Amino acid sequence: MTPEEVFNREVAGLIRDCPNFEACIVIKEHMRRHGEKSYYQALQRLGASIGIEYHVVEAKSPKTGKLEAWWPAIQYSRGKSKTGKKEVIKFISAPFDCPIKCYDYLARHYVYKLNDTPNLATHVFKQFYSEPIKSLPLAL
């Protein structure tokens, strides 16, 4: 399987197993509105729409300087209209987590971190769309 297929399989499994996660509801609704077929591509677009600057941080070997793995990390920013500065919100895994090499773990961790994002549905839909979210109870 390609890394994208592994990623898609894991996200599909999470959506099936945890249908009440806000992130799962938002991902399904985002895919429906954009006609996406791949979870990987949908999450790339969703991330860009809420201003995600990066999804993972590279972990390089101090000895060789080569890329060894990735730390799952989500960072996005939104502009402050009055100050003109960016408010940066970071969600980075705990320091005791091991660097990852597996796309299945990355997919699960990415959805979990999206689920921890405060007001995710508001960031994704309310600012960018006028169409109401029918399947998201009490999120907005």
Protein backbone atom coordinates (compact mmCIF):
# COMPACT_ATOMS: atom_id res chain seq x y z
CA MET A 1 0.00 0.00 0.00
CA THR A 2 1.14 3.53 -0.69
CA PRO A 3 1.48 5.98 2.23
CA GLU A 4 -1.64 7.82 0.99
CA GLU A 5 -3.67 4.58 0.96
CA VAL A 6 -2.54 3.78 4.51
CA PHE A 7 -3.46 7.31 5.62
CA ASN A 8 -6.90 7.05 3.95
CA ARG A 9 -7.56 3.64 5.53
CA GLU A 10 -6.78 4.91 9.02
CA VAL A 11 -8.87 8.08 8.72
CA ALA A 12 -11.79 6.06 7.32
CA GLY A 13 -11.47 3.68 10.28
CA LEU A 14 -11.52 6.56 12.76
CA ILE A 15 -14.56 8.12 11.12
CA ARG A 16 -16.32 4.75 11.25
CA ASP A 17 -15.29 4.02 14.87
CA CYS A 18 -15.67 7.55 16.30
CA PRO A 19 -18.53 9.19 14.37
CA ASN A 20 -19.21 11.69 17.18
CA PHE A 21 -15.72 13.23 17.16
CA GLU A 22 -16.05 16.83 16.04
CA ALA A 23 -13.07 16.30 13.73
CA CYS A 24 -14.75 13.30 12.06
CA ILE A 25 -17.97 15.23 11.50
CA VAL A 26 -16.05 18.21 10.11
CA ILE A 27 -13.94 15.99 7.81
CA LYS A 28 -17.03 14.23 6.41
CA GLU A 29 -18.87 17.52 5.89
CA HIS A 30 -15.80 19.11 4.28
CA MET A 31 -15.47 16.16 1.89
CA ARG A 32 -19.18 16.34 1.03
CA ARG A 33 -19.02 20.07 0.26
CA HIS A 34 -15.89 19.76 -1.88
CA GLY A 35 -16.63 16.41 -3.53
CA GLU A 36 -13.35 14.94 -2.24
CA LYS A 37 -12.77 11.19 -2.51
CA SER A 38 -9.44 10.92 -0.67
CA TYR A 39 -9.16 11.70 3.05
CA TYR A 40 -5.52 12.61 2.51
CA GLN A 41 -6.39 15.24 -0.11
CA ALA A 42 -9.40 16.45 1.90
CA LEU A 43 -7.27 17.01 4.99
CA GLN A 44 -4.69 18.90 2.93
CA ARG A 45 -7.43 21.23 1.66
CA LEU A 46 -9.09 21.49 5.08
CA GLY A 47 -5.76 22.33 6.66
CA ALA A 48 -5.08 25.05 4.13
CA SER A 49 -8.56 26.53 4.63
CA ILE A 50 -7.98 27.05 8.37
CA GLY A 51 -4.41 28.23 7.88
CA ILE A 52 -2.49 25.19 9.04
CA GLU A 53 1.16 26.03 8.54
CA TYR A 54 2.49 22.53 9.03
CA HIS A 55 1.29 19.06 9.96
CA VAL A 56 4.51 17.44 11.05
CA VAL A 57 7.94 18.53 12.17
CA GLU A 58 10.93 16.74 10.67
CA ALA A 59 13.17 14.81 13.05
CA LYS A 60 16.72 14.71 11.68
CA SER A 61 19.49 12.54 12.98
CA PRO A 62 22.07 14.64 14.85
CA LYS A 63 24.83 12.36 13.55
CA THR A 64 23.98 12.21 9.86
CA GLY A 65 21.68 15.20 9.43
CA LYS A 66 19.31 12.99 7.42
CA LEU A 67 15.57 12.83 7.92
CA GLU A 68 14.78 9.96 10.27
CA ALA A 69 11.11 10.47 11.13
CA TRP A 70 8.43 13.07 11.80
CA TRP A 71 6.87 14.46 14.97
CA PRO A 72 3.14 14.98 14.55
CA ALA A 73 2.39 18.68 15.01
CA ILE A 74 -0.38 21.00 13.98
CA GLN A 75 0.09 24.73 13.92
CA TYR A 76 -2.26 27.24 12.46
CA SER A 77 -2.61 30.96 12.76
CA ARG A 78 -5.33 33.49 12.22
CA GLY A 79 -4.90 37.20 11.76
CA LYS A 80 -5.87 39.66 14.46
CA SER A 81 -7.66 42.50 12.75
CA LYS A 82 -6.88 45.17 15.38
CA THR A 83 -3.19 44.45 15.95
CA GLY A 84 -2.27 43.03 12.58
CA LYS A 85 -0.35 40.26 14.36
CA LYS A 86 -0.94 36.55 13.96
CA GLU A 87 -2.32 34.53 16.81
CA VAL A 88 -0.56 31.20 16.62
CA ILE A 89 -2.11 28.13 18.17
CA LYS A 90 0.11 25.06 18.38
CA PHE A 91 -0.80 21.48 19.10
CA ILE A 92 2.37 19.43 19.40
CA SER A 93 2.70 15.92 20.73
CA ALA A 94 4.19 15.34 24.16
CA PRO A 95 8.00 15.10 24.30
CA PHE A 96 7.86 11.45 25.37
CA ASP A 97 6.05 10.43 22.16
CA CYS A 98 8.37 8.67 19.74
CA PRO A 99 9.01 10.14 16.32
CA ILE A 100 6.86 8.45 13.75
CA LYS A 101 7.65 6.66 10.56
CA CYS A 102 4.19 5.18 10.02
CA TYR A 103 1.48 6.95 8.09
CA ASP A 104 -1.22 5.07 10.00
CA TYR A 105 -0.07 6.60 13.29
CA LEU A 106 0.26 10.00 11.63
CA ALA A 107 -3.32 9.80 10.34
CA ARG A 108 -4.74 8.88 13.75
CA HIS A 109 -2.68 11.49 15.56
CA TYR A 110 -3.66 14.18 13.03
CA VAL A 111 -7.39 13.49 13.52
CA TYR A 112 -6.99 13.40 17.32
CA LYS A 113 -5.18 16.73 17.30
CA LEU A 114 -7.79 18.24 14.98
CA ASN A 115 -10.41 17.02 17.43
CA ASP A 116 -8.57 18.87 20.22
CA THR A 117 -8.64 22.11 18.22
CA PRO A 118 -10.97 24.57 19.96
CA ASN A 119 -13.97 25.55 17.80
CA LEU A 120 -12.80 23.47 14.83
CA ALA A 121 -16.17 23.63 13.06
CA THR A 122 -16.24 27.41 13.45
CA HIS A 123 -12.75 27.73 11.97
CA VAL A 124 -13.58 25.47 9.04
CA PHE A 125 -17.16 26.36 8.18
CA LYS A 126 -18.52 29.49 9.82
CA GLN A 127 -15.78 31.78 8.54
CA PHE A 128 -15.69 30.36 5.03
CA TYR A 129 -19.21 29.15 4.26
CA SER A 130 -22.72 30.47 4.72
CA GLU A 131 -24.33 27.02 4.41
CA PRO A 132 -25.23 25.64 7.88
CA ILE A 133 -23.83 22.38 9.19
CA LYS A 134 -26.76 20.02 9.68
CA SER A 135 -24.91 17.08 11.21
CA LEU A 136 -22.97 18.97 13.89
CA PRO A 137 -25.09 19.33 17.05
CA LEU A 138 -24.15 22.07 19.51
CA ALA A 139 -20.73 22.69 17.95
CA LEU A 140 -21.42 26.21 16.76
